[in-house]
Structures are given as C-alpha cells and as structure tokens.
Amino acid sequence: MGDRYSLIVTCPKCGYKDDDVWYAPTCGFMSWKCPKCKNVVDLEKYSGIDSEECATTECGIRAIRELRKERKKLRNKLKRKS
C-alpha cells in the first residue's frame, strides 16, 4: 500500500539514538516513542518525508488522512489534560 523507510532517530529531548526505526505511514508507523524518556517523535516532521507521498493507492492516502485526524484528536486531548 505504500513506501517504508528505516530511520536513525535521535530523541530531541534526551539524545537517545535508535538506529532501527520504521517509518511506514500506510501501516500506521508515523511516530516513535523514546524508550529512555518516553518522548514521542512525529516521524513525518522528523524525516521531512510527507506521509501522503508514501502512499501508492487512494486507499493508502485515505488511511493516512484518517490517522492524521486521530493523532490530532489525541494530541488535543492530551493538551487539555496537562
């Protein structure tokens, strides 16, 4: 349904480096949680790779748009709690 990328991610909060991170938007892998400090990194922003451009089908594009909506709702909910 889409492209996948293997990334090396360095946590911007604590500096922990993970050299085996999957970024596969159409499979739902759009973020990474640092195992050391629990900071969540948006892989689309981190990598600069547009998630919709990874989709190879219209179904994949719809799935990514739906995931973005869900993530936005979750972020807003978490902000209200803090």
Protein backbone atom coordinates (compact mmCIF):
# COMPACT_ATOMS: atom_id res chain seq x y z
CA MET A 1 0.00 0.00 0.00
CA GLY A 2 2.95 2.34 0.38
CA ASP A 3 6.62 3.02 0.95
CA ARG A 4 8.53 2.17 4.13
CA TYR A 5 11.69 3.74 5.47
CA SER A 6 14.23 2.62 8.04
CA LEU A 7 15.43 5.65 10.01
CA ILE A 8 18.04 6.54 12.58
CA VAL A 9 16.26 8.71 15.14
CA THR A 10 17.90 10.76 17.86
CA CYS A 11 15.50 11.88 20.58
CA PRO A 12 15.46 15.69 20.64
CA LYS A 13 14.68 15.63 24.36
CA CYS A 14 17.32 13.28 25.85
CA GLY A 15 19.65 12.45 22.93
CA TYR A 16 18.95 8.70 22.89
CA LYS A 17 19.79 7.27 19.44
CA ASP A 18 17.82 4.43 17.84
CA ASP A 19 19.19 3.10 14.56
CA ASP A 20 16.27 0.79 13.74
CA VAL A 21 13.09 2.86 13.47
CA TRP A 22 10.43 2.12 10.86
CA TYR A 23 8.51 4.94 9.21
CA ALA A 24 5.66 3.33 7.27
CA PRO A 25 2.68 5.72 7.22
CA THR A 26 0.24 3.45 5.42
CA CYS A 27 0.87 0.78 8.08
CA GLY A 28 0.33 3.24 10.92
CA PHE A 29 4.00 3.72 11.86
CA MET A 30 4.08 7.52 11.96
CA SER A 31 5.62 8.18 15.36
CA TRP A 32 8.37 6.84 17.62
CA LYS A 33 8.42 6.78 21.39
CA CYS A 34 11.82 7.13 23.01
CA PRO A 35 12.43 4.10 25.26
CA LYS A 36 14.55 6.21 27.59
CA CYS A 37 12.47 9.35 28.29
CA LYS A 38 9.10 8.40 26.66
CA ASN A 39 9.14 11.49 24.39
CA VAL A 40 7.04 10.92 21.25
CA VAL A 41 8.56 12.00 17.92
CA ASP A 42 6.44 12.68 14.82
CA LEU A 43 8.40 10.82 12.14
CA GLU A 44 6.87 12.81 9.29
CA LYS A 45 8.20 16.06 10.76
CA TYR A 46 11.47 14.47 11.88
CA SER A 47 12.28 12.92 8.49
CA GLY A 48 10.76 15.56 6.25
CA ILE A 49 9.10 12.80 4.23
CA ASP A 50 5.46 13.64 3.51
CA SER A 51 3.34 10.69 4.61
CA GLU A 52 0.79 11.05 1.79
CA GLU A 53 3.58 10.84 -0.79
CA CYS A 54 4.45 7.40 0.64
CA ALA A 55 1.02 6.05 -0.33
CA THR A 56 0.78 4.24 -3.64
CA THR A 57 -3.01 3.85 -3.66
CA GLU A 58 -6.03 6.03 -2.99
CA CYS A 59 -6.89 3.70 -0.11
CA GLY A 60 -3.45 4.37 1.39
CA ILE A 61 -3.94 8.13 1.13
CA ARG A 62 -7.32 7.87 2.87
CA ALA A 63 -5.78 5.74 5.62
CA ILE A 64 -3.05 8.32 6.24
CA ARG A 65 -5.55 11.18 6.36
CA GLU A 66 -7.62 9.24 8.89
CA LEU A 67 -4.53 8.52 11.02
CA ARG A 68 -3.61 12.21 10.97
CA LYS A 69 -7.10 13.13 12.24
CA GLU A 70 -6.89 10.56 15.04
CA ARG A 71 -3.43 11.74 16.07
CA LYS A 72 -4.59 15.37 16.12
CA LYS A 73 -7.56 14.48 18.34
CA LEU A 74 -5.26 12.58 20.71
CA ARG A 75 -2.76 15.46 20.90
CA ASN A 76 -5.58 17.92 21.68
CA LYS A 77 -6.96 15.60 24.35
CA LEU A 78 -3.53 15.27 25.96
CA LYS A 79 -3.00 19.04 25.90
CA ARG A 80 -6.31 19.60 27.71
CA LYS A 81 -5.27 17.16 30.44
CA SER A 82 -1.96 18.91 31.12
